[in-house]
Amino acid sequence: MNRQKLTIAVTGLNAFDNPGPGVGVIRALRACKDFDLRIVGLCYESMEPGAFLPDIVDVSYLVPYPSAGSDQLLNRLLQIHAVEKLDFILPNFDAELRNYIRISGTLKQHGIHSFLPDVEMLTNLDKMHLVEFCEKHGLTTPKTMTLTSIEEIDKMEDDFEYPVFVKGSFYEAYKAVNKGQVIAYFNKLSAKWGLPVIVQEVVEGTEINIAGVGDGKGTLMGAIPIRKLYITDRGKGWAGVVLADTTLVDISKKFIEASKWKGGFELEFIRTLDDNFYLLEINPRFPAWIYTCVAAGQNLPAAAVKLGLGQAMEPYENYISGKMFIRYAWELITDIESFQKFSTQGRL
């Protein structure tokens, strides 16, 4: 069988205790027998572990932080493209997506494909607009309020009972049990991620996550639901199991039909004891546990690449339940010279 030769750039190689999706995405892409890949890692910091894993990436480059804007990102990517001849870029961080969406048309003119939603689609599904989306399309979400100043916390206390979740506009969430904690988390999250900060009602139940891909036209190309079995003190799933639940797949189809989402996504739910589903978040990219989907029979990152290249494919219909993931940590050994070279020259 002739395998398609592709050079794919991937972000999100920070494989710390709060890992990015990049390493899992690359493992999934390398598992696709249709591809003969050269993987280019795109890193924001020189100590992202994925850059030093030779079985994961072939070469890595430092790129400017999202706060630098889309023009600087475009200039850097075109520098990299002149050397690597990129075919596809797959970004994996919420905070970087707007920049990539803005320059996607220019990148395509240079032969660099992607598979991303538009800015309007991204805005309609962010944390600030989740309640509006759910109300419009018959989905249930916890009571939510956005805070743009500390003074609004008094109004929040009129409508919410403690505890509450305090969430950053892009990442991080903390459970607060009193006003002092809300103020502290507001200051921490607004300084790191900007305004607004989101306050959300705490709903008790089992945490369910769904990873999937939408084709941008209302068709769900694949979806895998999991239940988190172990959650760290930072709220991150460290173990999970694939569920056999047609209700969750039906919810995913309903979400895609309503949103016309294009690209990878993750839905985060709480399933209550009375079997109701509360949608907590819509993450506009693949989750860090995405490689589990390959074991369950659906290679969702590979599907996104094929769709972005204009290749025809049928939606996944089935998957294997009972597959588990358990994360672990080990010491990656490298040389200080490699780290210094990456830090100073921006290429490894």
C-alpha atoms as a PDB file:
ATOM      1  CA  MET A   1       0.000   0.000   0.000  1.00  0.00           C
ATOM      2  CA  ASN A   2       1.289   3.451  -0.936  1.00  0.00           C
ATOM      3  CA  ARG A   3       1.417   5.687   2.109  1.00  0.00           C
ATOM      4  CA  GLN A   4       0.894   9.424   1.714  1.00  0.00           C
ATOM      5  CA  LYS A   5       4.011  11.400   2.584  1.00  0.00           C
ATOM      6  CA  LEU A   6       3.124  14.369   4.759  1.00  0.00           C
ATOM      7  CA  THR A   7       4.955  16.897   6.896  1.00  0.00           C
ATOM      8  CA  ILE A   8       2.639  17.920   9.728  1.00  0.00           C
ATOM      9  CA  ALA A   9       3.302  20.608  12.326  1.00  0.00           C
ATOM     10  CA  VAL A  10       1.741  20.067  15.764  1.00  0.00           C
ATOM     11  CA  THR A  11       1.526  22.312  18.848  1.00  0.00           C
ATOM     12  CA  GLY A  12       0.864  21.432  22.495  1.00  0.00           C
ATOM     13  CA  LEU A  13       3.992  19.431  23.378  1.00  0.00           C
ATOM     14  CA  ASN A  14       4.004  20.389  27.068  1.00  0.00           C
ATOM     15  CA  ALA A  15       3.695  16.953  28.686  1.00  0.00           C
ATOM     16  CA  PHE A  16       3.744  18.058  32.340  1.00  0.00           C
ATOM     17  CA  ASP A  17       1.229  17.251  35.107  1.00  0.00           C
ATOM     18  CA  ASN A  18      -1.278  19.284  33.090  1.00  0.00           C
ATOM     19  CA  PRO A  19      -0.344  17.890  29.673  1.00  0.00           C
ATOM     20  CA  GLY A  20      -1.154  19.446  26.349  1.00  0.00           C
ATOM     21  CA  PRO A  21      -2.782  17.342  23.615  1.00  0.00           C
ATOM     22  CA  GLY A  22       0.187  17.447  21.221  1.00  0.00           C
ATOM     23  CA  VAL A  23       1.982  14.236  22.191  1.00  0.00           C
ATOM     24  CA  GLY A  24      -1.269  12.241  22.103  1.00  0.00           C
ATOM     25  CA  VAL A  25      -2.217  13.770  18.749  1.00  0.00           C
ATOM     26  CA  ILE A  26       1.164  12.840  17.273  1.00  0.00           C
ATOM     27  CA  ARG A  27       0.929   9.273  18.591  1.00  0.00           C
ATOM     28  CA  ALA A  28      -2.460   9.001  16.890  1.00  0.00           C
ATOM     29  CA  LEU A  29      -1.158  10.397  13.597  1.00  0.00           C
ATOM     30  CA  ARG A  30       1.817   8.021  13.610  1.00  0.00           C
ATOM     31  CA  ALA A  31      -0.603   5.127  14.181  1.00  0.00           C
ATOM     32  CA  CYS A  32      -2.411   5.882  10.898  1.00  0.00           C
ATOM     33  CA  LYS A  33      -1.208   3.396   8.298  1.00  0.00           C
ATOM     34  CA  ASP A  34      -2.231   5.747   5.470  1.00  0.00           C
ATOM     35  CA  PHE A  35       0.469   8.284   6.351  1.00  0.00           C
ATOM     36  CA  ASP A  36       4.254   8.390   6.020  1.00  0.00           C
ATOM     37  CA  LEU A  37       4.958  11.282   8.365  1.00  0.00           C
ATOM     38  CA  ARG A  38       7.562  13.836   9.243  1.00  0.00           C
ATOM     39  CA  ILE A  39       6.405  15.608  12.424  1.00  0.00           C
ATOM     40  CA  VAL A  40       7.428  19.189  13.181  1.00  0.00           C
ATOM     41  CA  GLY A  41       6.883  20.235  16.785  1.00  0.00           C
ATOM     42  CA  LEU A  42       5.927  23.866  17.435  1.00  0.00           C
ATOM     43  CA  CYS A  43       6.831  24.941  20.982  1.00  0.00           C
ATOM     44  CA  TYR A  44       6.319  28.088  23.021  1.00  0.00           C
ATOM     45  CA  GLU A  45       8.991  27.153  25.570  1.00  0.00           C
ATOM     46  CA  SER A  46      12.317  25.373  25.219  1.00  0.00           C
ATOM     47  CA  MET A  47      11.523  22.893  27.986  1.00  0.00           C
ATOM     48  CA  GLU A  48       8.411  21.315  26.461  1.00  0.00           C
ATOM     49  CA  PRO A  49       9.131  17.581  26.892  1.00  0.00           C
ATOM     50  CA  GLY A  50       7.604  16.506  23.590  1.00  0.00           C
ATOM     51  CA  ALA A  51      10.343  18.345  21.712  1.00  0.00           C
ATOM     52  CA  PHE A  52      12.948  16.006  23.224  1.00  0.00           C
ATOM     53  CA  LEU A  53      11.159  12.742  22.384  1.00  0.00           C
ATOM     54  CA  PRO A  54      12.800  11.376  19.203  1.00  0.00           C
ATOM     55  CA  ASP A  55      10.002   8.860  18.560  1.00  0.00           C
ATOM     56  CA  ILE A  56       7.433  11.657  18.717  1.00  0.00           C
ATOM     57  CA  VAL A  57       8.874  14.577  16.740  1.00  0.00           C
ATOM     58  CA  ASP A  58      11.470  14.720  13.979  1.00  0.00           C
ATOM     59  CA  VAL A  59      12.349  18.381  14.505  1.00  0.00           C
ATOM     60  CA  SER A  60      11.053  21.159  16.780  1.00  0.00           C
ATOM     61  CA  TYR A  61      10.927  24.936  16.504  1.00  0.00           C
ATOM     62  CA  LEU A  62      10.173  27.725  18.949  1.00  0.00           C
ATOM     63  CA  VAL A  63       7.287  29.970  17.923  1.00  0.00           C
ATOM     64  CA  PRO A  64       6.068  33.280  19.438  1.00  0.00           C
ATOM     65  CA  TYR A  65       3.489  33.231  22.225  1.00  0.00           C
ATOM     66  CA  PRO A  66      -0.141  33.787  21.153  1.00  0.00           C
ATOM     67  CA  SER A  67      -0.063  37.233  22.757  1.00  0.00           C
ATOM     68  CA  ALA A  68       2.437  38.306  20.070  1.00  0.00           C
ATOM     69  CA  GLY A  69      -0.376  38.195  17.506  1.00  0.00           C
ATOM     70  CA  SER A  70      -1.095  36.511  14.198  1.00  0.00           C
ATOM     71  CA  ASP A  71       1.392  38.494  12.091  1.00  0.00           C
ATOM     72  CA  GLN A  72       4.402  37.332  14.087  1.00  0.00           C
ATOM     73  CA  LEU A  73       3.075  33.780  14.075  1.00  0.00           C
ATOM     74  CA  LEU A  74       2.637  33.877  10.297  1.00  0.00           C
ATOM     75  CA  ASN A  75       6.161  35.188   9.746  1.00  0.00           C
ATOM     76  CA  ARG A  76       7.650  32.455  11.925  1.00  0.00           C
ATOM     77  CA  LEU A  77       5.608  29.694  10.289  1.00  0.00           C
ATOM     78  CA  LEU A  78       6.658  30.809   6.823  1.00  0.00           C
ATOM     79  CA  GLN A  79      10.304  30.740   7.972  1.00  0.00           C
ATOM     80  CA  ILE A  80       9.780  27.164   9.160  1.00  0.00           C
ATOM     81  CA  HIS A  81       7.894  26.274   5.981  1.00  0.00           C
ATOM     82  CA  ALA A  82      10.833  27.445   3.840  1.00  0.00           C
ATOM     83  CA  VAL A  83      12.928  24.725   5.487  1.00  0.00           C
ATOM     84  CA  GLU A  84      10.430  21.973   6.260  1.00  0.00           C
ATOM     85  CA  LYS A  85       7.853  22.292   3.443  1.00  0.00           C
ATOM     86  CA  LEU A  86       4.822  21.887   5.693  1.00  0.00           C
ATOM     87  CA  ASP A  87       1.683  20.204   4.367  1.00  0.00           C
ATOM     88  CA  PHE A  88      -0.555  20.599   7.410  1.00  0.00           C
ATOM     89  CA  ILE A  89      -0.736  22.373  10.781  1.00  0.00           C
ATOM     90  CA  LEU A  90      -2.727  20.996  13.700  1.00  0.00           C
ATOM     91  CA  PRO A  91      -2.884  23.474  16.632  1.00  0.00           C
ATOM     92  CA  ASN A  92      -3.960  22.116  20.028  1.00  0.00           C
ATOM     93  CA  PHE A  93      -4.320  25.070  22.427  1.00  0.00           C
ATOM     94  CA  ASP A  94      -7.457  27.157  22.952  1.00  0.00           C
ATOM     95  CA  ALA A  95      -5.459  30.377  23.322  1.00  0.00           C
ATOM     96  CA  GLU A  96      -3.693  30.028  19.970  1.00  0.00           C
ATOM     97  CA  LEU A  97      -6.686  29.126  17.790  1.00  0.00           C
ATOM     98  CA  ARG A  98      -7.771  32.656  16.867  1.00  0.00           C
ATOM     99  CA  ASN A  99      -4.321  33.433  15.499  1.00  0.00           C
ATOM    100  CA  TYR A 100      -4.270  30.247  13.441  1.00  0.00           C
ATOM    101  CA  ILE A 101      -7.786  30.866  12.131  1.00  0.00           C
ATOM    102  CA  ARG A 102      -6.850  34.407  11.046  1.00  0.00           C
ATOM    103  CA  ILE A 103      -3.845  33.230   9.029  1.00  0.00           C
ATOM    104  CA  SER A 104      -5.290  29.929   7.750  1.00  0.00           C
ATOM    105  CA  GLY A 105      -6.189  31.406   4.358  1.00  0.00           C
ATOM    106  CA  THR A 106      -2.680  32.790   3.836  1.00  0.00           C
ATOM    107  CA  LEU A 107      -1.127  29.514   4.961  1.00  0.00           C
ATOM    108  CA  LYS A 108      -3.251  27.612   2.462  1.00  0.00           C
ATOM    109  CA  GLN A 109      -1.976  29.866  -0.326  1.00  0.00           C
ATOM    110  CA  HIS A 110       1.481  28.576   0.596  1.00  0.00           C
ATOM    111  CA  GLY A 111       0.267  24.968   0.500  1.00  0.00           C
ATOM    112  CA  ILE A 112      -0.179  24.560   4.267  1.00  0.00           C
ATOM    113  CA  HIS A 113      -3.569  23.058   5.086  1.00  0.00           C
ATOM    114  CA  SER A 114      -5.517  22.975   8.352  1.00  0.00           C
ATOM    115  CA  PHE A 115      -8.999  22.023   9.542  1.00  0.00           C
ATOM    116  CA  LEU A 116     -10.301  24.753  11.831  1.00  0.00           C
ATOM    117  CA  PRO A 117     -13.590  26.488  12.633  1.00  0.00           C
ATOM    118  CA  ASP A 118     -14.114  30.158  11.798  1.00  0.00           C
ATOM    119  CA  VAL A 119     -13.884  32.922  14.414  1.00  0.00           C
ATOM    120  CA  GLU A 120     -17.680  33.272  14.709  1.00  0.00           C
ATOM    121  CA  MET A 121     -18.043  29.557  15.405  1.00  0.00           C
ATOM    122  CA  LEU A 122     -15.294  29.713  18.008  1.00  0.00           C
ATOM    123  CA  THR A 123     -16.898  32.703  19.736  1.00  0.00           C
ATOM    124  CA  ASN A 124     -20.378  31.150  19.804  1.00  0.00           C
ATOM    125  CA  LEU A 125     -19.090  28.149  21.737  1.00  0.00           C
ATOM    126  CA  ASP A 126     -16.658  29.755  24.187  1.00  0.00           C
ATOM    127  CA  LYS A 127     -17.238  29.741  27.949  1.00  0.00           C
ATOM    128  CA  MET A 128     -18.852  33.187  27.897  1.00  0.00           C
ATOM    129  CA  HIS A 129     -21.557  32.062  25.438  1.00  0.00           C
ATOM    130  CA  LEU A 130     -22.125  28.483  26.617  1.00  0.00           C
ATOM    131  CA  VAL A 131     -25.415  29.201  28.420  1.00  0.00           C
ATOM    132  CA  GLU A 132     -26.834  30.976  25.375  1.00  0.00           C
ATOM    133  CA  PHE A 133     -25.864  28.086  23.085  1.00  0.00           C
ATOM    134  CA  CYS A 134     -27.351  25.461  25.409  1.00  0.00           C
ATOM    135  CA  GLU A 135     -30.614  27.335  25.857  1.00  0.00           C
ATOM    136  CA  LYS A 136     -30.972  27.751  22.118  1.00  0.00           C
ATOM    137  CA  HIS A 137     -30.379  24.083  21.326  1.00  0.00           C
ATOM    138  CA  GLY A 138     -32.007  22.273  24.226  1.00  0.00           C
ATOM    139  CA  LEU A 139     -28.876  21.301  26.149  1.00  0.00           C
ATOM    140  CA  THR A 140     -28.505  21.654  29.922  1.00  0.00           C
ATOM    141  CA  THR A 141     -25.632  23.527  31.536  1.00  0.00           C
ATOM    142  CA  PRO A 142     -24.982  24.656  35.124  1.00  0.00           C
ATOM    143  CA  LYS A 143     -25.889  28.203  36.147  1.00  0.00           C
ATOM    144  CA  THR A 144     -23.070  30.451  34.917  1.00  0.00           C
ATOM    145  CA  MET A 145     -22.043  34.088  35.334  1.00  0.00           C
ATOM    146  CA  THR A 146     -19.174  36.120  33.879  1.00  0.00           C
ATOM    147  CA  LEU A 147     -17.231  38.524  36.091  1.00  0.00           C
ATOM    148  CA  THR A 148     -15.390  41.532  34.698  1.00  0.00           C
ATOM    149  CA  SER A 149     -14.612  43.149  38.079  1.00  0.00           C
ATOM    150  CA  ILE A 150     -14.317  42.208  41.739  1.00  0.00           C
ATOM    151  CA  GLU A 151     -17.313  44.427  42.507  1.00  0.00           C
ATOM    152  CA  GLU A 152     -19.556  42.014  40.596  1.00  0.00           C
ATOM    153  CA  ILE A 153     -18.847  39.255  43.126  1.00  0.00           C
ATOM    154  CA  ASP A 154     -21.476  40.772  45.451  1.00  0.00           C
ATOM    155  CA  LYS A 155     -24.090  40.333  42.698  1.00  0.00           C
ATOM    156  CA  MET A 156     -22.840  36.779  42.146  1.00  0.00           C
ATOM    157  CA  GLU A 157     -23.451  35.947  45.808  1.00  0.00           C
ATOM    158  CA  ASP A 158     -27.109  36.954  45.404  1.00  0.00           C
ATOM    159  CA  ASP A 159     -27.602  34.313  42.700  1.00  0.00           C
ATOM    160  CA  PHE A 160     -25.218  31.491  43.673  1.00  0.00           C
ATOM    161  CA  GLU A 161     -24.702  29.269  46.689  1.00  0.00           C
ATOM    162  CA  TYR A 162     -21.230  28.115  47.704  1.00  0.00           C
ATOM    163  CA  PRO A 163     -19.244  26.207  46.615  1.00  0.00           C
ATOM    164  CA  VAL A 164     -18.802  27.513  43.079  1.00  0.00           C
ATOM    165  CA  PHE A 165     -16.268  26.910  40.330  1.00  0.00           C
ATOM    166  CA  VAL A 166     -14.170  29.914  39.282  1.00  0.00           C
ATOM    167  CA  LYS A 167     -12.797  29.461  35.746  1.00  0.00           C
ATOM    168  CA  GLY A 168     -10.329  31.265  33.530  1.00  0.00           C
ATOM    169  CA  SER A 169     -11.431  32.402  30.089  1.00  0.00           C
ATOM    170  CA  PHE A 170      -9.151  29.789  28.479  1.00  0.00           C
ATOM    171  CA  TYR A 171      -7.919  27.345  31.136  1.00  0.00           C
ATOM    172  CA  GLU A 172      -7.945  26.460  34.815  1.00  0.00           C
ATOM    173  CA  ALA A 173     -10.794  26.066  37.282  1.00  0.00           C
ATOM    174  CA  TYR A 174     -10.887  26.209  41.065  1.00  0.00           C
ATOM    175  CA  LYS A 175     -13.604  25.376  43.578  1.00  0.00           C
ATOM    176  CA  ALA A 176     -14.279  28.297  45.929  1.00  0.00           C
ATOM    177  CA  VAL A 177     -16.180  27.934  49.211  1.00  0.00           C
ATOM    178  CA  ASN A 178     -16.344  31.605  50.212  1.00  0.00           C
ATOM    179  CA  LYS A 179     -16.010  35.152  48.880  1.00  0.00           C
ATOM    180  CA  GLY A 180     -12.349  35.434  49.849  1.00  0.00           C
ATOM    181  CA  GLN A 181     -11.456  32.461  47.678  1.00  0.00           C
ATOM    182  CA  VAL A 182     -13.499  33.827  44.763  1.00  0.00           C
ATOM    183  CA  ILE A 183     -11.562  37.114  44.983  1.00  0.00           C
ATOM    184  CA  ALA A 184      -8.218  35.296  45.147  1.00  0.00           C
ATOM    185  CA  TYR A 185      -9.031  33.065  42.170  1.00  0.00           C
ATOM    186  CA  PHE A 186     -10.466  36.030  40.236  1.00  0.00           C
ATOM    187  CA  ASN A 187      -7.185  37.917  40.640  1.00  0.00           C
ATOM    188  CA  LYS A 188      -5.090  34.856  39.745  1.00  0.00           C
ATOM    189  CA  LEU A 189      -7.088  33.878  36.650  1.00  0.00           C
ATOM    190  CA  SER A 190      -7.638  37.388  35.296  1.00  0.00           C
ATOM    191  CA  ALA A 191      -3.920  38.123  35.589  1.00  0.00           C
ATOM    192  CA  LYS A 192      -3.057  34.928  33.706  1.00  0.00           C
ATOM    193  CA  TRP A 193      -5.846  34.621  31.121  1.00  0.00           C
ATOM    194  CA  GLY A 194      -7.528  38.021  31.063  1.00  0.00           C
ATOM    195  CA  LEU A 195     -11.170  38.938  31.551  1.00  0.00           C
ATOM    196  CA  PRO A 196     -13.833  37.823  31.965  1.00  0.00           C
ATOM    197  CA  VAL A 197     -13.581  35.228  34.718  1.00  0.00           C
ATOM    198  CA  ILE A 198     -16.396  32.689  34.793  1.00  0.00           C
ATOM    199  CA  VAL A 199     -18.305  31.533  37.873  1.00  0.00           C
ATOM    200  CA  GLN A 200     -20.244  28.286  37.520  1.00  0.00           C
ATOM    201  CA  GLU A 201     -22.613  26.378  39.773  1.00  0.00           C
ATOM    202  CA  VAL A 202     -21.212  23.126  41.171  1.00  0.00           C
ATOM    203  CA  VAL A 203     -23.202  20.108  39.973  1.00  0.00           C
ATOM    204  CA  GLU A 204     -22.481  16.812  41.716  1.00  0.00           C
ATOM    205  CA  GLY A 205     -22.117  13.641  39.689  1.00  0.00           C
ATOM    206  CA  THR A 206     -19.789  11.642  37.444  1.00  0.00           C
ATOM    207  CA  GLU A 207     -17.471  13.480  35.071  1.00  0.00           C
ATOM    208  CA  ILE A 208     -17.918  12.373  31.451  1.00  0.00           C
ATOM    209  CA  ASN A 209     -15.830  13.598  28.513  1.00  0.00           C
ATOM    210  CA  ILE A 210     -16.394  13.126  24.785  1.00  0.00           C
ATOM    211  CA  ALA A 211     -13.757  13.631  22.094  1.00  0.00           C
ATOM    212  CA  GLY A 212     -14.904  14.003  18.515  1.00  0.00           C
ATOM    213  CA  VAL A 213     -14.551  15.559  15.067  1.00  0.00           C
ATOM    214  CA  GLY A 214     -17.130  17.573  13.146  1.00  0.00           C
ATOM    215  CA  ASP A 215     -16.963  18.087   9.391  1.00  0.00           C
ATOM    216  CA  GLY A 216     -18.099  21.736   9.474  1.00  0.00           C
ATOM    217  CA  LYS A 217     -21.388  20.894   7.772  1.00  0.00           C
ATOM    218  CA  GLY A 218     -23.288  19.274  10.623  1.00  0.00           C
ATOM    219  CA  THR A 219     -22.005  15.693  10.427  1.00  0.00           C
ATOM    220  CA  LEU A 220     -20.300  13.994  13.355  1.00  0.00           C
ATOM    221  CA  MET A 221     -17.330  12.115  11.890  1.00  0.00           C
ATOM    222  CA  GLY A 222     -16.518  10.263  15.095  1.00  0.00           C
ATOM    223  CA  ALA A 223     -16.895  10.465  18.880  1.00  0.00           C
ATOM    224  CA  ILE A 224     -15.532   8.539  21.856  1.00  0.00           C
ATOM    225  CA  PRO A 225     -17.006   8.998  25.374  1.00  0.00           C
ATOM    226  CA  ILE A 226     -14.997   8.269  28.517  1.00  0.00           C
ATOM    227  CA  ARG A 227     -15.551   8.353  32.259  1.00  0.00           C
ATOM    228  CA  LYS A 228     -12.697   9.725  34.333  1.00  0.00           C
ATOM    229  CA  LEU A 229     -11.558   7.163  36.883  1.00  0.00           C
ATOM    230  CA  TYR A 230      -8.893   9.241  38.615  1.00  0.00           C
ATOM    231  CA  ILE A 231      -8.741  13.032  38.799  1.00  0.00           C
ATOM    232  CA  THR A 232      -5.704  14.929  40.093  1.00  0.00           C
ATOM    233  CA  ASP A 233      -5.881  17.764  42.593  1.00  0.00           C
ATOM    234  CA  ARG A 234      -5.663  20.098  39.591  1.00  0.00           C
ATOM    235  CA  GLY A 235      -8.848  18.568  38.190  1.00  0.00           C
ATOM    236  CA  LYS A 236      -7.125  16.674  35.373  1.00  0.00           C
ATOM    237  CA  GLY A 237      -8.081  13.145  34.408  1.00  0.00           C
ATOM    238  CA  TRP A 238      -5.192  10.760  35.065  1.00  0.00           C
ATOM    239  CA  ALA A 239      -7.131   7.616  34.199  1.00  0.00           C
ATOM    240  CA  GLY A 240     -10.312   6.931  32.271  1.00  0.00           C
ATOM    241  CA  VAL A 241     -12.352   4.231  30.559  1.00  0.00           C
ATOM    242  CA  VAL A 242     -14.249   4.249  27.250  1.00  0.00           C
ATOM    243  CA  LEU A 243     -18.001   3.945  27.809  1.00  0.00           C
ATOM    244  CA  ALA A 244     -20.595   2.031  25.801  1.00  0.00           C
ATOM    245  CA  ASP A 245     -23.349   4.650  25.831  1.00  0.00           C
ATOM    246  CA  THR A 246     -25.381   5.562  22.772  1.00  0.00           C
ATOM    247  CA  THR A 247     -26.919   8.514  24.648  1.00  0.00           C
ATOM    248  CA  LEU A 248     -23.529  10.241  24.744  1.00  0.00           C
ATOM    249  CA  VAL A 249     -22.987   9.719  21.026  1.00  0.00           C
ATOM    250  CA  ASP A 250     -26.481  11.072  20.348  1.00  0.00           C
ATOM    251  CA  ILE A 251     -25.654  14.182  22.405  1.00  0.00           C
ATOM    252  CA  SER A 252     -22.489  14.623  20.332  1.00  0.00           C
ATOM    253  CA  LYS A 253     -24.510  14.389  17.111  1.00  0.00           C
ATOM    254  CA  LYS A 254     -26.954  16.965  18.460  1.00  0.00           C
ATOM    255  CA  PHE A 255     -24.080  19.296  19.309  1.00  0.00           C
ATOM    256  CA  ILE A 256     -22.540  18.979  15.837  1.00  0.00           C
ATOM    257  CA  GLU A 257     -25.875  19.425  14.051  1.00  0.00           C
ATOM    258  CA  ALA A 258     -26.532  22.589  16.065  1.00  0.00           C
ATOM    259  CA  SER A 259     -23.061  24.127  15.893  1.00  0.00           C
ATOM    260  CA  LYS A 260     -21.792  22.898  12.495  1.00  0.00           C
ATOM    261  CA  TRP A 261     -18.450  22.581  14.281  1.00  0.00           C
ATOM    262  CA  LYS A 262     -15.388  22.067  12.114  1.00  0.00           C
ATOM    263  CA  GLY A 263     -12.436  20.176  13.572  1.00  0.00           C
ATOM    264  CA  GLY A 264     -11.642  18.384  16.784  1.00  0.00           C
ATOM    265  CA  PHE A 265     -13.469  19.070  20.036  1.00  0.00           C
ATOM    266  CA  GLU A 266     -14.027  17.847  23.579  1.00  0.00           C
ATOM    267  CA  LEU A 267     -17.297  18.053  25.501  1.00  0.00           C
ATOM    268  CA  GLU A 268     -17.132  17.984  29.304  1.00  0.00           C
ATOM    269  CA  PHE A 269     -20.252  16.792  31.145  1.00  0.00           C
ATOM    270  CA  ILE A 270     -21.449  15.966  34.628  1.00  0.00           C
ATOM    271  CA  ARG A 271     -23.847  13.022  34.762  1.00  0.00           C
ATOM    272  CA  THR A 272     -26.059  13.310  37.841  1.00  0.00           C
ATOM    273  CA  LEU A 273     -27.516  10.449  39.873  1.00  0.00           C
ATOM    274  CA  ASP A 274     -30.902  10.997  38.197  1.00  0.00           C
ATOM    275  CA  ASP A 275     -29.176  10.498  34.805  1.00  0.00           C
ATOM    276  CA  ASN A 276     -29.232  14.100  33.595  1.00  0.00           C
ATOM    277  CA  PHE A 277     -26.305  15.528  31.634  1.00  0.00           C
ATOM    278  CA  TYR A 278     -24.940  19.008  32.365  1.00  0.00           C
ATOM    279  CA  LEU A 279     -22.571  20.412  29.751  1.00  0.00           C
ATOM    280  CA  LEU A 280     -19.710  22.135  31.621  1.00  0.00           C
ATOM    281  CA  GLU A 281     -17.432  23.168  28.753  1.00  0.00           C
ATOM    282  CA  ILE A 282     -16.845  22.860  25.032  1.00  0.00           C
ATOM    283  CA  ASN A 283     -13.122  22.672  24.336  1.00  0.00           C
ATOM    284  CA  PRO A 284     -12.348  23.662  20.710  1.00  0.00           C
ATOM    285  CA  ARG A 285      -9.561  21.110  20.222  1.00  0.00           C
ATOM    286  CA  PHE A 286      -8.615  17.527  20.989  1.00  0.00           C
ATOM    287  CA  PRO A 287      -8.053  16.531  24.639  1.00  0.00           C
ATOM    288  CA  ALA A 288      -4.766  15.233  26.036  1.00  0.00           C
ATOM    289  CA  TRP A 289      -6.241  11.698  26.252  1.00  0.00           C
ATOM    290  CA  ILE A 290      -6.954  11.624  22.491  1.00  0.00           C
ATOM    291  CA  TYR A 291      -4.695   8.612  21.814  1.00  0.00           C
ATOM    292  CA  THR A 292      -7.228   6.495  23.736  1.00  0.00           C
ATOM    293  CA  CYS A 293      -9.592   7.004  20.794  1.00  0.00           C
ATOM    294  CA  VAL A 294      -7.173   5.132  18.517  1.00  0.00           C
ATOM    295  CA  ALA A 295      -7.262   2.152  20.884  1.00  0.00           C
ATOM    296  CA  ALA A 296     -11.061   2.384  20.806  1.00  0.00           C
ATOM    297  CA  GLY A 297     -11.090   2.159  17.009  1.00  0.00           C
ATOM    298  CA  GLN A 298     -11.427   5.790  15.912  1.00  0.00           C
ATOM    299  CA  ASN A 299      -8.351   7.755  14.842  1.00  0.00           C
ATOM    300  CA  LEU A 300      -9.862  11.216  15.198  1.00  0.00           C
ATOM    301  CA  PRO A 301      -6.666  13.287  14.579  1.00  0.00           C
ATOM    302  CA  ALA A 302      -6.041  11.361  11.348  1.00  0.00           C
ATOM    303  CA  ALA A 303      -9.660  12.014  10.329  1.00  0.00           C
ATOM    304  CA  ALA A 304      -9.160  15.759  10.882  1.00  0.00           C
ATOM    305  CA  VAL A 305      -6.052  15.725   8.680  1.00  0.00           C
ATOM    306  CA  LYS A 306      -7.810  13.813   5.890  1.00  0.00           C
ATOM    307  CA  LEU A 307     -10.768  16.184   5.979  1.00  0.00           C
ATOM    308  CA  GLY A 308      -8.443  19.204   5.943  1.00  0.00           C
ATOM    309  CA  LEU A 309      -6.713  17.819   2.856  1.00  0.00           C
ATOM    310  CA  GLY A 310     -10.067  17.390   1.121  1.00  0.00           C
ATOM    311  CA  GLN A 311     -10.036  13.606   1.200  1.00  0.00           C
ATOM    312  CA  ALA A 312     -13.365  11.793   1.273  1.00  0.00           C
ATOM    313  CA  MET A 313     -14.084   9.631   4.290  1.00  0.00           C
ATOM    314  CA  GLU A 314     -17.102   8.062   5.923  1.00  0.00           C
ATOM    315  CA  PRO A 315     -18.009   8.819   9.548  1.00  0.00           C
ATOM    316  CA  TYR A 316     -16.963   6.276  12.146  1.00  0.00           C
ATOM    317  CA  GLU A 317     -20.002   4.235  13.176  1.00  0.00           C
ATOM    318  CA  ASN A 318     -18.659   2.031  15.966  1.00  0.00           C
ATOM    319  CA  TYR A 319     -16.014   1.937  18.667  1.00  0.00           C
ATOM    320  CA  ILE A 320     -14.645  -0.470  21.275  1.00  0.00           C
ATOM    321  CA  SER A 321     -15.755   0.202  24.840  1.00  0.00           C
ATOM    322  CA  GLY A 322     -13.775  -0.825  27.917  1.00  0.00           C
ATOM    323  CA  LYS A 323     -10.426   0.529  26.725  1.00  0.00           C
ATOM    324  CA  MET A 324      -8.634   2.371  29.534  1.00  0.00           C
ATOM    325  CA  PHE A 325      -5.909   4.951  29.756  1.00  0.00           C
ATOM    326  CA  ILE A 326      -3.645   5.485  32.756  1.00  0.00           C
ATOM    327  CA  ARG A 327      -1.064   8.263  32.602  1.00  0.00           C
ATOM    328  CA  TYR A 328       2.377   7.839  34.068  1.00  0.00           C
ATOM    329  CA  ALA A 329       5.557   9.874  34.406  1.00  0.00           C
ATOM    330  CA  TRP A 330       9.150   8.938  33.698  1.00  0.00           C
ATOM    331  CA  GLU A 331      12.447  10.776  33.467  1.00  0.00           C
ATOM    332  CA  LEU A 332      13.395  11.864  29.957  1.00  0.00           C
ATOM    333  CA  ILE A 333      17.177  11.997  29.659  1.00  0.00           C
ATOM    334  CA  THR A 334      18.776  14.457  27.264  1.00  0.00           C
ATOM    335  CA  ASP A 335      21.930  16.600  27.098  1.00  0.00           C
ATOM    336  CA  ILE A 336      22.217  20.170  28.299  1.00  0.00           C
ATOM    337  CA  GLU A 337      23.706  21.012  24.894  1.00  0.00           C
ATOM    338  CA  SER A 338      20.418  20.104  23.212  1.00  0.00           C
ATOM    339  CA  PHE A 339      18.458  22.308  25.585  1.00  0.00           C
ATOM    340  CA  GLN A 340      20.861  25.209  25.135  1.00  0.00           C
ATOM    341  CA  LYS A 341      20.764  24.865  21.357  1.00  0.00           C
ATOM    342  CA  PHE A 342      16.964  24.850  21.340  1.00  0.00           C
ATOM    343  CA  SER A 343      16.812  27.874  23.677  1.00  0.00           C
ATOM    344  CA  THR A 344      19.270  29.977  21.687  1.00  0.00           C
ATOM    345  CA  GLN A 345      18.670  28.869  18.089  1.00  0.00           C
ATOM    346  CA  GLY A 346      14.959  28.011  18.258  1.00  0.00           C
ATOM    347  CA  ARG A 347      15.407  24.682  16.451  1.00  0.00           C
ATOM    348  CA  LEU A 348      16.046  21.186  17.753  1.00  0.00           C
END
